[in-house]
Amino acid sequence: MPEELEFEKPILELENRIAALNVSSEPLEARDEIAALEERLRRLQQRTYANLTAWQRTQLARHPKRPHTADFFRLLLEEFIELHGDRLYGDDKAIIGGLARFEGQAVVVIGHQKGRDTRDKLARNFGMPHPEGYRKALRLMKLAEKFAKPVITFIDTPGAYPGLGAEERGQAEAIARNLREMSALRTPVIAVVTGEGGSGGALAIGVADRVLMLQYAIYSVISPEGCAAILWGDATKGPEAAELLRITAPDLQRLGVIDGIVPEPVGGAHRNWEDTAAAVRQALRDHLWELRSKEADELVRDRYQKFRRIGVFEESA
């Protein structure tokens, strides 16, 4: 995917002009021109990012420079210790997790990891887990439950890996087991959709007391291209499918699928990892404070009711 998105080109052109003036001109000579361009840039950014289509949000969610789970671990956590393996088959690098401290509180963290360069992407299978990845995630959740520690998950995957080996090793069973076990987990669970939340591959670590989304993340049962290929036999109609799927954070909050939207810096999370992490930190702090006062039975009951309410609607003439 190109790093320069089509709809961002006018913004990037202005940024480049400002940068060139800052380098090539005397500060006093170019001050007025730079100030005028910066004001023009600010207005253009506000107008552009306030009116993004679902497809443009999808492009931002997939941006190659967007922070991944390992980046959030580094920016948010202290004393992170990664744990490996599902104790059944192997260690899936598409899911990472372990023990850490968040704001001084012991937590268990889990998330999809896509990888950066070509070698890392291949090692991480582009963030598409095999069944052993989901079984590793469940092992860590059960560890959290045993020691009464909150679970925080970071969702960023196109979907579970659909390859032959994954199917042979029980991909559907691994996802289904996670859904069942997470529904009854007797410890607080918070899920944050940081980029793509694709299908059962996302939901397998997404059954939580609070489901949050970054402002330009997406969350869907299928990718826009996959939906277009099935409905119209034409994957290039992905932008049209994206609008119909209701995959954006505002749509999903309105439908009751998610519980909150975490704001991103102007232009998206890929432009400022630190500010994005600060917003995630604040959201996690608020929700953990609220959830830790609840008894285990209350957590399980409320979580059950939360997911039962999704999709309930009324019709009137």
C-alpha atoms as a PDB file:
ATOM      1  CA  MET A   1       0.000   0.000   0.000  1.00  0.00           C
ATOM      2  CA  PRO A   2       1.439   3.464  -0.884  1.00  0.00           C
ATOM      3  CA  GLU A   3       2.407   5.672   2.037  1.00  0.00           C
ATOM      4  CA  GLU A   4       1.001   8.745   0.269  1.00  0.00           C
ATOM      5  CA  LEU A   5      -2.772   8.425   0.146  1.00  0.00           C
ATOM      6  CA  GLU A   6      -4.554  10.049  -2.787  1.00  0.00           C
ATOM      7  CA  PHE A   7      -6.824  12.252  -0.684  1.00  0.00           C
ATOM      8  CA  GLU A   8      -3.853  13.497   1.354  1.00  0.00           C
ATOM      9  CA  LYS A   9      -1.841  14.818  -1.608  1.00  0.00           C
ATOM     10  CA  PRO A  10      -2.972  18.473  -1.305  1.00  0.00           C
ATOM     11  CA  ILE A  11      -2.069  18.396   2.406  1.00  0.00           C
ATOM     12  CA  LEU A  12       1.347  16.877   1.737  1.00  0.00           C
ATOM     13  CA  GLU A  13       2.062  19.445  -0.976  1.00  0.00           C
ATOM     14  CA  LEU A  14       1.391  22.283   1.471  1.00  0.00           C
ATOM     15  CA  GLU A  15       3.515  20.620   4.153  1.00  0.00           C
ATOM     16  CA  ASN A  16       6.394  20.251   1.678  1.00  0.00           C
ATOM     17  CA  ARG A  17       6.141  23.927   0.670  1.00  0.00           C
ATOM     18  CA  ILE A  18       6.264  25.014   4.310  1.00  0.00           C
ATOM     19  CA  ALA A  19       9.230  22.728   4.989  1.00  0.00           C
ATOM     20  CA  ALA A  20      11.081  24.074   1.945  1.00  0.00           C
ATOM     21  CA  LEU A  21      10.541  27.680   3.043  1.00  0.00           C
ATOM     22  CA  ASN A  22      11.766  26.894   6.546  1.00  0.00           C
ATOM     23  CA  VAL A  23      14.989  25.438   5.134  1.00  0.00           C
ATOM     24  CA  SER A  24      15.761  27.794   2.254  1.00  0.00           C
ATOM     25  CA  SER A  25      14.660  31.219   3.544  1.00  0.00           C
ATOM     26  CA  GLU A  26      15.688  33.579   6.272  1.00  0.00           C
ATOM     27  CA  PRO A  27      13.154  33.270   9.107  1.00  0.00           C
ATOM     28  CA  LEU A  28      12.071  36.928   9.007  1.00  0.00           C
ATOM     29  CA  GLU A  29      11.745  37.052   5.213  1.00  0.00           C
ATOM     30  CA  ALA A  30       9.439  34.048   4.963  1.00  0.00           C
ATOM     31  CA  ARG A  31       7.591  34.484   8.240  1.00  0.00           C
ATOM     32  CA  ASP A  32       4.399  35.961   6.794  1.00  0.00           C
ATOM     33  CA  GLU A  33       4.260  33.508   3.903  1.00  0.00           C
ATOM     34  CA  ILE A  34       4.850  30.536   6.231  1.00  0.00           C
ATOM     35  CA  ALA A  35       2.168  31.766   8.639  1.00  0.00           C
ATOM     36  CA  ALA A  36      -0.335  32.103   5.763  1.00  0.00           C
ATOM     37  CA  LEU A  37       0.493  28.626   4.466  1.00  0.00           C
ATOM     38  CA  GLU A  38       0.213  27.106   7.952  1.00  0.00           C
ATOM     39  CA  GLU A  39      -3.233  28.637   8.410  1.00  0.00           C
ATOM     40  CA  ARG A  40      -4.263  27.344   4.997  1.00  0.00           C
ATOM     41  CA  LEU A  41      -2.894  23.908   5.938  1.00  0.00           C
ATOM     42  CA  ARG A  42      -4.825  23.905   9.205  1.00  0.00           C
ATOM     43  CA  ARG A  43      -8.124  24.692   7.454  1.00  0.00           C
ATOM     44  CA  LEU A  44      -7.461  22.087   4.757  1.00  0.00           C
ATOM     45  CA  GLN A  45      -6.691  19.407   7.364  1.00  0.00           C
ATOM     46  CA  GLN A  46      -9.841  20.183   9.330  1.00  0.00           C
ATOM     47  CA  ARG A  47     -11.983  20.074   6.197  1.00  0.00           C
ATOM     48  CA  THR A  48     -10.389  16.881   4.853  1.00  0.00           C
ATOM     49  CA  TYR A  49     -10.412  14.779   8.020  1.00  0.00           C
ATOM     50  CA  ALA A  50     -13.860  15.922   9.113  1.00  0.00           C
ATOM     51  CA  ASN A  51     -15.399  14.496   5.935  1.00  0.00           C
ATOM     52  CA  LEU A  52     -13.596  11.208   5.363  1.00  0.00           C
ATOM     53  CA  THR A  53     -15.453   8.434   3.562  1.00  0.00           C
ATOM     54  CA  ALA A  54     -15.504   4.895   4.931  1.00  0.00           C
ATOM     55  CA  TRP A  55     -12.972   3.884   2.271  1.00  0.00           C
ATOM     56  CA  GLN A  56     -10.609   6.717   3.205  1.00  0.00           C
ATOM     57  CA  ARG A  57     -10.828   5.622   6.840  1.00  0.00           C
ATOM     58  CA  THR A  58     -10.012   2.101   5.684  1.00  0.00           C
ATOM     59  CA  GLN A  59      -6.895   3.419   3.966  1.00  0.00           C
ATOM     60  CA  LEU A  60      -5.832   5.204   7.165  1.00  0.00           C
ATOM     61  CA  ALA A  61      -6.503   2.064   9.237  1.00  0.00           C
ATOM     62  CA  ARG A  62      -4.149   0.140   6.932  1.00  0.00           C
ATOM     63  CA  HIS A  63      -1.453   2.823   6.685  1.00  0.00           C
ATOM     64  CA  PRO A  64       1.977   1.153   6.771  1.00  0.00           C
ATOM     65  CA  LYS A  65       3.294   3.693   9.291  1.00  0.00           C
ATOM     66  CA  ARG A  66       0.397   3.276  11.723  1.00  0.00           C
ATOM     67  CA  PRO A  67       1.514   2.142  15.211  1.00  0.00           C
ATOM     68  CA  HIS A  68       1.231  -1.606  15.741  1.00  0.00           C
ATOM     69  CA  THR A  69       0.650  -3.558  18.927  1.00  0.00           C
ATOM     70  CA  ALA A  70       4.359  -3.762  19.811  1.00  0.00           C
ATOM     71  CA  ASP A  71       4.563   0.025  19.492  1.00  0.00           C
ATOM     72  CA  PHE A  72       1.643   0.493  21.886  1.00  0.00           C
ATOM     73  CA  PHE A  73       3.253  -1.948  24.313  1.00  0.00           C
ATOM     74  CA  ARG A  74       6.424   0.152  24.271  1.00  0.00           C
ATOM     75  CA  LEU A  75       4.592   3.463  24.682  1.00  0.00           C
ATOM     76  CA  LEU A  76       2.011   2.397  27.266  1.00  0.00           C
ATOM     77  CA  LEU A  77       3.493  -0.350  29.431  1.00  0.00           C
ATOM     78  CA  GLU A  78       6.245  -0.896  31.934  1.00  0.00           C
ATOM     79  CA  GLU A  79       8.084  -4.158  32.683  1.00  0.00           C
ATOM     80  CA  PHE A  80       6.608  -6.029  29.715  1.00  0.00           C
ATOM     81  CA  ILE A  81       7.576  -9.710  29.649  1.00  0.00           C
ATOM     82  CA  GLU A  82       6.552 -11.552  26.497  1.00  0.00           C
ATOM     83  CA  LEU A  83       5.237 -15.099  26.892  1.00  0.00           C
ATOM     84  CA  HIS A  84       5.386 -17.584  24.021  1.00  0.00           C
ATOM     85  CA  GLY A  85       3.596 -20.677  22.781  1.00  0.00           C
ATOM     86  CA  ASP A  86       0.209 -22.338  23.166  1.00  0.00           C
ATOM     87  CA  ARG A  87       1.596 -25.464  24.925  1.00  0.00           C
ATOM     88  CA  LEU A  88       0.017 -27.551  22.170  1.00  0.00           C
ATOM     89  CA  TYR A  89       1.679 -26.860  18.823  1.00  0.00           C
ATOM     90  CA  GLY A  90       3.918 -23.808  18.632  1.00  0.00           C
ATOM     91  CA  ASP A  91       4.367 -20.069  18.949  1.00  0.00           C
ATOM     92  CA  ASP A  92       2.448 -17.888  16.504  1.00  0.00           C
ATOM     93  CA  LYS A  93       4.233 -14.566  15.996  1.00  0.00           C
ATOM     94  CA  ALA A  94       1.086 -12.972  14.555  1.00  0.00           C
ATOM     95  CA  ILE A  95      -0.117 -12.623  18.151  1.00  0.00           C
ATOM     96  CA  ILE A  96       2.102 -11.262  20.891  1.00  0.00           C
ATOM     97  CA  GLY A  97       1.323 -11.011  24.576  1.00  0.00           C
ATOM     98  CA  GLY A  98       2.540 -11.322  28.095  1.00  0.00           C
ATOM     99  CA  LEU A  99       2.734  -9.730  31.524  1.00  0.00           C
ATOM    100  CA  ALA A 100       3.199  -6.012  32.109  1.00  0.00           C
ATOM    101  CA  ARG A 101       2.348  -3.050  34.282  1.00  0.00           C
ATOM    102  CA  PHE A 102       0.018  -0.288  33.162  1.00  0.00           C
ATOM    103  CA  GLU A 103       0.082   2.814  35.383  1.00  0.00           C
ATOM    104  CA  GLY A 104       1.633   0.605  38.065  1.00  0.00           C
ATOM    105  CA  GLN A 105      -1.126  -2.031  37.847  1.00  0.00           C
ATOM    106  CA  ALA A 106      -0.254  -5.592  36.832  1.00  0.00           C
ATOM    107  CA  VAL A 107      -2.065  -6.560  33.617  1.00  0.00           C
ATOM    108  CA  VAL A 108      -1.995  -9.181  30.879  1.00  0.00           C
ATOM    109  CA  VAL A 109      -1.731  -7.755  27.360  1.00  0.00           C
ATOM    110  CA  ILE A 110      -2.388  -9.449  24.013  1.00  0.00           C
ATOM    111  CA  GLY A 111      -2.504  -8.190  20.449  1.00  0.00           C
ATOM    112  CA  HIS A 112      -2.102  -8.820  16.745  1.00  0.00           C
ATOM    113  CA  GLN A 113       1.260  -7.864  15.268  1.00  0.00           C
ATOM    114  CA  LYS A 114       1.553  -7.201  11.515  1.00  0.00           C
ATOM    115  CA  GLY A 115       5.257  -6.497  11.139  1.00  0.00           C
ATOM    116  CA  ARG A 116       7.132  -3.636   9.460  1.00  0.00           C
ATOM    117  CA  ASP A 117       9.652  -4.720   6.829  1.00  0.00           C
ATOM    118  CA  THR A 118       9.188  -7.626   4.418  1.00  0.00           C
ATOM    119  CA  ARG A 119      11.002 -10.185   6.576  1.00  0.00           C
ATOM    120  CA  ASP A 120       9.039  -9.196   9.688  1.00  0.00           C
ATOM    121  CA  LYS A 121       5.718  -9.205   7.818  1.00  0.00           C
ATOM    122  CA  LEU A 122       6.383 -12.748   6.618  1.00  0.00           C
ATOM    123  CA  ALA A 123       7.394 -13.878  10.104  1.00  0.00           C
ATOM    124  CA  ARG A 124       4.218 -12.321  11.527  1.00  0.00           C
ATOM    125  CA  ASN A 125       2.109 -13.661   8.635  1.00  0.00           C
ATOM    126  CA  PHE A 126       0.891 -10.086   8.009  1.00  0.00           C
ATOM    127  CA  GLY A 127      -0.948 -10.146  11.345  1.00  0.00           C
ATOM    128  CA  MET A 128      -3.164 -13.103  10.378  1.00  0.00           C
ATOM    129  CA  PRO A 129      -3.024 -15.630  13.241  1.00  0.00           C
ATOM    130  CA  HIS A 130      -3.027 -19.408  13.043  1.00  0.00           C
ATOM    131  CA  PRO A 131      -5.013 -21.413  15.621  1.00  0.00           C
ATOM    132  CA  GLU A 132      -1.967 -21.645  17.883  1.00  0.00           C
ATOM    133  CA  GLY A 133      -2.015 -17.850  18.107  1.00  0.00           C
ATOM    134  CA  TYR A 134      -5.548 -17.847  19.460  1.00  0.00           C
ATOM    135  CA  ARG A 135      -4.741 -20.708  21.816  1.00  0.00           C
ATOM    136  CA  LYS A 136      -1.746 -18.735  23.092  1.00  0.00           C
ATOM    137  CA  ALA A 137      -4.037 -15.749  23.642  1.00  0.00           C
ATOM    138  CA  LEU A 138      -6.505 -17.896  25.566  1.00  0.00           C
ATOM    139  CA  ARG A 139      -3.712 -19.366  27.706  1.00  0.00           C
ATOM    140  CA  LEU A 140      -2.703 -15.823  28.695  1.00  0.00           C
ATOM    141  CA  MET A 141      -6.303 -14.853  29.442  1.00  0.00           C
ATOM    142  CA  LYS A 142      -6.708 -17.854  31.705  1.00  0.00           C
ATOM    143  CA  LEU A 143      -3.484 -16.860  33.452  1.00  0.00           C
ATOM    144  CA  ALA A 144      -4.946 -13.392  34.006  1.00  0.00           C
ATOM    145  CA  GLU A 145      -8.140 -14.891  35.386  1.00  0.00           C
ATOM    146  CA  LYS A 146      -6.224 -17.177  37.763  1.00  0.00           C
ATOM    147  CA  PHE A 147      -4.332 -14.257  39.294  1.00  0.00           C
ATOM    148  CA  ALA A 148      -7.193 -11.708  39.016  1.00  0.00           C
ATOM    149  CA  LYS A 149      -5.382  -9.392  36.593  1.00  0.00           C
ATOM    150  CA  PRO A 150      -7.162  -7.286  33.933  1.00  0.00           C
ATOM    151  CA  VAL A 151      -6.744  -8.222  30.271  1.00  0.00           C
ATOM    152  CA  ILE A 152      -6.073  -5.591  27.587  1.00  0.00           C
ATOM    153  CA  THR A 153      -6.184  -6.655  23.939  1.00  0.00           C
ATOM    154  CA  PHE A 154      -5.100  -4.708  20.852  1.00  0.00           C
ATOM    155  CA  ILE A 155      -6.913  -5.674  17.654  1.00  0.00           C
ATOM    156  CA  ASP A 156      -5.257  -5.112  14.265  1.00  0.00           C
ATOM    157  CA  THR A 157      -5.699  -7.906  11.732  1.00  0.00           C
ATOM    158  CA  PRO A 158      -7.168  -8.433   8.256  1.00  0.00           C
ATOM    159  CA  GLY A 159      -8.573 -11.691   9.665  1.00  0.00           C
ATOM    160  CA  ALA A 160      -7.591 -15.154  10.814  1.00  0.00           C
ATOM    161  CA  TYR A 161      -5.291 -17.007   8.402  1.00  0.00           C
ATOM    162  CA  PRO A 162      -7.418 -19.153   6.033  1.00  0.00           C
ATOM    163  CA  GLY A 163      -4.632 -21.471   4.856  1.00  0.00           C
ATOM    164  CA  LEU A 164      -4.814 -25.255   4.691  1.00  0.00           C
ATOM    165  CA  GLY A 165      -2.517 -25.803   7.685  1.00  0.00           C
ATOM    166  CA  ALA A 166      -4.560 -23.458   9.861  1.00  0.00           C
ATOM    167  CA  GLU A 167      -7.770 -25.256   8.930  1.00  0.00           C
ATOM    168  CA  GLU A 168      -6.191 -28.651   9.592  1.00  0.00           C
ATOM    169  CA  ARG A 169      -5.160 -27.516  13.070  1.00  0.00           C
ATOM    170  CA  GLY A 170      -8.661 -26.293  13.942  1.00  0.00           C
ATOM    171  CA  GLN A 171      -8.894 -22.597  13.121  1.00  0.00           C
ATOM    172  CA  ALA A 172     -12.675 -22.419  13.546  1.00  0.00           C
ATOM    173  CA  GLU A 173     -12.574 -24.373  16.818  1.00  0.00           C
ATOM    174  CA  ALA A 174      -9.843 -22.126  18.242  1.00  0.00           C
ATOM    175  CA  ILE A 175     -11.815 -18.973  17.464  1.00  0.00           C
ATOM    176  CA  ALA A 176     -15.078 -20.439  18.757  1.00  0.00           C
ATOM    177  CA  ARG A 177     -13.417 -21.561  21.991  1.00  0.00           C
ATOM    178  CA  ASN A 178     -12.017 -18.075  22.557  1.00  0.00           C
ATOM    179  CA  LEU A 179     -15.465 -16.539  22.070  1.00  0.00           C
ATOM    180  CA  ARG A 180     -16.949 -18.920  24.611  1.00  0.00           C
ATOM    181  CA  GLU A 181     -14.183 -18.598  27.182  1.00  0.00           C
ATOM    182  CA  MET A 182     -13.897 -14.817  26.929  1.00  0.00           C
ATOM    183  CA  SER A 183     -17.657 -14.507  27.455  1.00  0.00           C
ATOM    184  CA  ALA A 184     -17.255 -16.084  30.891  1.00  0.00           C
ATOM    185  CA  LEU A 185     -13.832 -14.730  31.869  1.00  0.00           C
ATOM    186  CA  ARG A 186     -13.960 -13.634  35.517  1.00  0.00           C
ATOM    187  CA  THR A 187     -11.652 -10.657  35.223  1.00  0.00           C
ATOM    188  CA  PRO A 188     -11.979  -7.263  33.477  1.00  0.00           C
ATOM    189  CA  VAL A 189     -11.310  -7.267  29.725  1.00  0.00           C
ATOM    190  CA  ILE A 190     -10.786  -4.193  27.530  1.00  0.00           C
ATOM    191  CA  ALA A 191     -10.285  -4.453  23.767  1.00  0.00           C
ATOM    192  CA  VAL A 192      -8.932  -1.639  21.602  1.00  0.00           C
ATOM    193  CA  VAL A 193      -9.278  -1.782  17.801  1.00  0.00           C
ATOM    194  CA  THR A 194      -6.156   0.086  16.684  1.00  0.00           C
ATOM    195  CA  GLY A 195      -6.206  -0.533  12.926  1.00  0.00           C
ATOM    196  CA  GLU A 196      -8.117  -3.236  11.073  1.00  0.00           C
ATOM    197  CA  GLY A 197     -10.589  -5.360  12.977  1.00  0.00           C
ATOM    198  CA  GLY A 198     -11.251  -8.137  10.504  1.00  0.00           C
ATOM    199  CA  SER A 199     -13.880 -10.838  10.993  1.00  0.00           C
ATOM    200  CA  GLY A 200     -13.537 -13.678  13.522  1.00  0.00           C
ATOM    201  CA  GLY A 201      -9.810 -13.094  13.537  1.00  0.00           C
ATOM    202  CA  ALA A 202     -10.486  -9.868  15.421  1.00  0.00           C
ATOM    203  CA  LEU A 203     -13.440 -11.066  17.483  1.00  0.00           C
ATOM    204  CA  ALA A 204     -11.398 -13.977  18.872  1.00  0.00           C
ATOM    205  CA  ILE A 205      -9.653 -11.488  21.192  1.00  0.00           C
ATOM    206  CA  GLY A 206     -12.463  -8.923  21.166  1.00  0.00           C
ATOM    207  CA  VAL A 207     -15.167 -10.232  23.531  1.00  0.00           C
ATOM    208  CA  ALA A 208     -14.612  -7.604  26.197  1.00  0.00           C
ATOM    209  CA  ASP A 209     -16.349  -5.569  28.879  1.00  0.00           C
ATOM    210  CA  ARG A 210     -15.351  -2.461  26.954  1.00  0.00           C
ATOM    211  CA  VAL A 211     -14.612  -2.360  23.233  1.00  0.00           C
ATOM    212  CA  LEU A 212     -12.854   0.825  22.121  1.00  0.00           C
ATOM    213  CA  MET A 213     -11.774   1.965  18.658  1.00  0.00           C
ATOM    214  CA  LEU A 214      -9.248   4.469  17.466  1.00  0.00           C
ATOM    215  CA  GLN A 215     -10.944   7.231  15.488  1.00  0.00           C
ATOM    216  CA  TYR A 216      -9.861   6.006  12.044  1.00  0.00           C
ATOM    217  CA  ALA A 217      -9.834   2.259  12.734  1.00  0.00           C
ATOM    218  CA  ILE A 218     -12.314  -0.123  11.088  1.00  0.00           C
ATOM    219  CA  TYR A 219     -14.146  -3.162  12.462  1.00  0.00           C
ATOM    220  CA  SER A 220     -16.075  -5.517  10.218  1.00  0.00           C
ATOM    221  CA  VAL A 221     -17.209  -9.067   9.572  1.00  0.00           C
ATOM    222  CA  ILE A 222     -15.386  -8.951   6.216  1.00  0.00           C
ATOM    223  CA  SER A 223     -13.039  -6.646   4.344  1.00  0.00           C
ATOM    224  CA  PRO A 224     -14.652  -4.210   1.884  1.00  0.00           C
ATOM    225  CA  GLU A 225     -12.868  -5.943  -1.017  1.00  0.00           C
ATOM    226  CA  GLY A 226     -14.036  -9.379   0.139  1.00  0.00           C
ATOM    227  CA  CYS A 227     -17.598  -8.149   0.478  1.00  0.00           C
ATOM    228  CA  ALA A 228     -17.504  -6.595  -2.997  1.00  0.00           C
ATOM    229  CA  ALA A 229     -16.083  -9.782  -4.501  1.00  0.00           C
ATOM    230  CA  ILE A 230     -18.903 -11.854  -2.991  1.00  0.00           C
ATOM    231  CA  LEU A 231     -21.783  -9.472  -3.698  1.00  0.00           C
ATOM    232  CA  TRP A 232     -20.806  -8.120  -7.099  1.00  0.00           C
ATOM    233  CA  GLY A 233     -17.974 -10.371  -8.251  1.00  0.00           C
ATOM    234  CA  ASP A 234     -15.732  -7.316  -8.388  1.00  0.00           C
ATOM    235  CA  ALA A 235     -13.238  -6.553  -5.603  1.00  0.00           C
ATOM    236  CA  THR A 236     -12.581  -3.086  -7.075  1.00  0.00           C
ATOM    237  CA  LYS A 237     -15.966  -2.015  -5.694  1.00  0.00           C
ATOM    238  CA  GLY A 238     -14.452  -2.067  -2.212  1.00  0.00           C
ATOM    239  CA  PRO A 239     -15.113   1.673  -1.641  1.00  0.00           C
ATOM    240  CA  GLU A 240     -18.826   1.142  -2.296  1.00  0.00           C
ATOM    241  CA  ALA A 241     -18.915  -1.891   0.014  1.00  0.00           C
ATOM    242  CA  ALA A 242     -17.100   0.049   2.749  1.00  0.00           C
ATOM    243  CA  GLU A 243     -19.946   2.570   2.869  1.00  0.00           C
ATOM    244  CA  LEU A 244     -22.602  -0.140   3.085  1.00  0.00           C
ATOM    245  CA  LEU A 245     -20.837  -2.264   5.727  1.00  0.00           C
ATOM    246  CA  ARG A 246     -20.888   0.447   8.431  1.00  0.00           C
ATOM    247  CA  ILE A 247     -17.323  -0.311   9.469  1.00  0.00           C
ATOM    248  CA  THR A 248     -16.258   3.064  10.869  1.00  0.00           C
ATOM    249  CA  ALA A 249     -16.009   3.977  14.543  1.00  0.00           C
ATOM    250  CA  PRO A 250     -18.912   6.511  14.493  1.00  0.00           C
ATOM    251  CA  ASP A 251     -21.202   3.991  12.771  1.00  0.00           C
ATOM    252  CA  LEU A 252     -20.303   1.198  15.185  1.00  0.00           C
ATOM    253  CA  GLN A 253     -20.739   3.374  18.251  1.00  0.00           C
ATOM    254  CA  ARG A 254     -24.169   4.422  16.989  1.00  0.00           C
ATOM    255  CA  LEU A 255     -25.082   0.749  16.504  1.00  0.00           C
ATOM    256  CA  GLY A 256     -23.874  -0.198  19.985  1.00  0.00           C
ATOM    257  CA  VAL A 257     -21.071  -2.478  18.769  1.00  0.00           C
ATOM    258  CA  ILE A 258     -18.348  -0.440  20.483  1.00  0.00           C
ATOM    259  CA  ASP A 259     -18.323   1.531  23.718  1.00  0.00           C
ATOM    260  CA  GLY A 260     -16.052   4.438  22.901  1.00  0.00           C
ATOM    261  CA  ILE A 261     -13.925   6.193  20.290  1.00  0.00           C
ATOM    262  CA  VAL A 262     -10.334   7.158  21.071  1.00  0.00           C
ATOM    263  CA  PRO A 263      -9.392  10.376  19.228  1.00  0.00           C
ATOM    264  CA  GLU A 264      -6.400  10.398  16.903  1.00  0.00           C
ATOM    265  CA  PRO A 265      -4.104  13.336  16.086  1.00  0.00           C
ATOM    266  CA  VAL A 266      -4.995  15.390  13.022  1.00  0.00           C
ATOM    267  CA  GLY A 267      -4.117  13.269   9.998  1.00  0.00           C
ATOM    268  CA  GLY A 268      -4.221   9.935  11.789  1.00  0.00           C
ATOM    269  CA  ALA A 269      -2.245   7.870  14.283  1.00  0.00           C
ATOM    270  CA  HIS A 270       0.643   7.319  11.865  1.00  0.00           C
ATOM    271  CA  ARG A 271       1.542  11.029  12.088  1.00  0.00           C
ATOM    272  CA  ASN A 272       2.007  11.095  15.857  1.00  0.00           C
ATOM    273  CA  TRP A 273       2.421   7.846  17.784  1.00  0.00           C
ATOM    274  CA  GLU A 274       3.023   9.568  21.125  1.00  0.00           C
ATOM    275  CA  ASP A 275      -0.196  11.602  21.098  1.00  0.00           C
ATOM    276  CA  THR A 276      -2.153   8.548  19.952  1.00  0.00           C
ATOM    277  CA  ALA A 277      -0.722   6.469  22.795  1.00  0.00           C
ATOM    278  CA  ALA A 278      -1.538   9.256  25.267  1.00  0.00           C
ATOM    279  CA  ALA A 279      -5.196   9.176  24.172  1.00  0.00           C
ATOM    280  CA  VAL A 280      -5.279   5.370  24.466  1.00  0.00           C
ATOM    281  CA  ARG A 281      -3.675   5.618  27.918  1.00  0.00           C
ATOM    282  CA  GLN A 282      -6.385   7.987  29.117  1.00  0.00           C
ATOM    283  CA  ALA A 283      -9.179   5.773  27.781  1.00  0.00           C
ATOM    284  CA  LEU A 284      -7.694   2.631  29.344  1.00  0.00           C
ATOM    285  CA  ARG A 285      -7.172   4.406  32.652  1.00  0.00           C
ATOM    286  CA  ASP A 286     -10.797   5.552  32.777  1.00  0.00           C
ATOM    287  CA  HIS A 287     -12.317   2.200  31.880  1.00  0.00           C
ATOM    288  CA  LEU A 288     -10.023   0.126  34.101  1.00  0.00           C
ATOM    289  CA  TRP A 289     -10.878   2.352  37.045  1.00  0.00           C
ATOM    290  CA  GLU A 290     -14.570   1.743  36.392  1.00  0.00           C
ATOM    291  CA  LEU A 291     -14.298  -2.028  35.862  1.00  0.00           C
ATOM    292  CA  ARG A 292     -11.992  -2.948  38.717  1.00  0.00           C
ATOM    293  CA  SER A 293     -14.684  -2.083  41.265  1.00  0.00           C
ATOM    294  CA  LYS A 294     -17.001  -4.790  39.893  1.00  0.00           C
ATOM    295  CA  GLU A 295     -17.237  -8.303  41.282  1.00  0.00           C
ATOM    296  CA  ALA A 296     -16.517 -11.221  38.935  1.00  0.00           C
ATOM    297  CA  ASP A 297     -20.165 -12.320  38.740  1.00  0.00           C
ATOM    298  CA  GLU A 298     -21.207  -8.791  37.836  1.00  0.00           C
ATOM    299  CA  LEU A 299     -18.554  -8.554  35.136  1.00  0.00           C
ATOM    300  CA  VAL A 300     -19.695 -11.772  33.475  1.00  0.00           C
ATOM    301  CA  ARG A 301     -23.377 -10.819  33.703  1.00  0.00           C
ATOM    302  CA  ASP A 302     -22.843  -7.328  32.271  1.00  0.00           C
ATOM    303  CA  ARG A 303     -20.623  -8.651  29.478  1.00  0.00           C
ATOM    304  CA  TYR A 304     -23.296 -11.173  28.510  1.00  0.00           C
ATOM    305  CA  GLN A 305     -25.974  -8.485  28.431  1.00  0.00           C
ATOM    306  CA  LYS A 306     -23.748  -6.126  26.461  1.00  0.00           C
ATOM    307  CA  PHE A 307     -23.323  -8.558  23.585  1.00  0.00           C
ATOM    308  CA  ARG A 308     -26.953  -9.692  23.710  1.00  0.00           C
ATOM    309  CA  ARG A 309     -28.033  -6.105  23.072  1.00  0.00           C
ATOM    310  CA  ILE A 310     -26.053  -5.787  19.842  1.00  0.00           C
ATOM    311  CA  GLY A 311     -28.305  -6.116  16.825  1.00  0.00           C
ATOM    312  CA  VAL A 312     -31.575  -5.637  18.704  1.00  0.00           C
ATOM    313  CA  PHE A 313     -33.786  -3.115  16.951  1.00  0.00           C
ATOM    314  CA  GLU A 314     -37.401  -1.977  16.621  1.00  0.00           C
ATOM    315  CA  GLU A 315     -39.378  -1.142  13.513  1.00  0.00           C
ATOM    316  CA  SER A 316     -42.192   1.376  13.315  1.00  0.00           C
ATOM    317  CA  ALA A 317     -44.524   2.287  10.500  1.00  0.00           C
END
